[in-house]
Amino acid sequence: MTRSITIRRPDDWHLHLRDGAMMEAVLPETARTFGRAIIMPNLVPPVVTGAQAAAYRDRILAALPEGMQFEPLMTLYLTEDTDPEDVAAAYRDGIARAVKLYPAGATTNSASGVRDFDKVRPVLEKMAEIGMPLCMHGEVTAPEVDIFDREAVFIDTVLDPIRRATPGLRVVMEHITTSQAADYVRSNDTDLGATITTHHLFINRNHILVGGIRPHYYCLPVAKREEHRRALVVAATSGDARFFLGTDSAPHPDHLKEHACGCAGCFTATNTMPLLAHIFEAEAALDRLEGFASLHGPAFYGLPPNEDTITLTRGDRPTVFPEKIEGGAGPVTVFDPGVPVHWSA
């Protein structure tokens, strides 16, 4: 039995830090382990321009505790009014690494997202020209489409047509949740990648609904059937460089999760790497954990891997993770994998 493994310091290619007191609370939970993270722009108001992204980056760095090393990689929120030249300038100047596409109404703070995809075509063409990645929340929002089918329908009706109409556009399918998404990534070229979250490797839709509603397992895209969870585990542990870690760690105060209309999101920044070691060990794939967490993402984004390392250690007794952290506006529940995990970072 492997007792420890040392890997290059990982990165998180999909992270919510929020702003203000919540950001100050959750940032150390990421920076303790991860060298870099792609920062989501769905604040209120959203981070739309290069100037707004630079200001948000400055606030993140100002909140970083002394002695911690962490680089926020900023994104721009795509709207139907986004200026292609501002996007290109932000990318050229190293302010923004990617643009984030939210279909309007798809998830938290997505009301400013895209309804008419033809209106953002000039931005997408400019991005293809300069090599800037597009990060996509891959769900349709039409009310007639079942919530468990929205990712698969998005691939057929939105993603594939956009990619065919914009050759050379580099796309990240974020937080994939279905076997259809994993198969679509495998069937395409190196201009397409996908992030997989920690929580979607552990939970299926039963975890949310069986024995009572479990609001801290509710996320968007919502967890699917067990067959889809297994497909994600196979993809993550396969060694295929098109799949890499994006936690989608999304903090909400407990009173907004445990609510008549509870917020979507799982907070996994605190314990992601031990949980991943558990999954990879179960699949006899610990030798592939470094690729998934530390190498594949930088390669897709054209960045070098981190030079420093972290060591994961397996103990005889289950690791005890904190149940909650204080988030400023109230406690934030740390994701509970529901099984004993013997790894620590």
Foldseek 3Di string as FASTA:
>chain_A
DDFKDKFFQFEAAAEEQAADLLNLFCVCLQLVGHAEYEYAQLYVVGAAFLVSLQVVQVRNVVSDDPPGHHHYAYEHEDALPRDLVRVVVSCVVRSHQAYEADAAPQAPNRPRHDDDVVSCLVNQQSCLVVVRAYEYAQFDDPPVDDLQCGNVVSVVPPVVVSCVVHPNHQYEDEQDAFLSVLVVLVVDDLSYAYEHALLLLQDAQCVQPPPHGDLLQFAPSHHHDPVRSVSVLCSLLVLPLRYAHHHQQDWDAPDQSPDPDHHHHHHASNPRVLSVCVSCVVVVRNVSNNSRGFNSVCVSSVHDTHPHMDMKGFDPFFDDTDQWTARPVHTTGHDDSPDGGRIDD
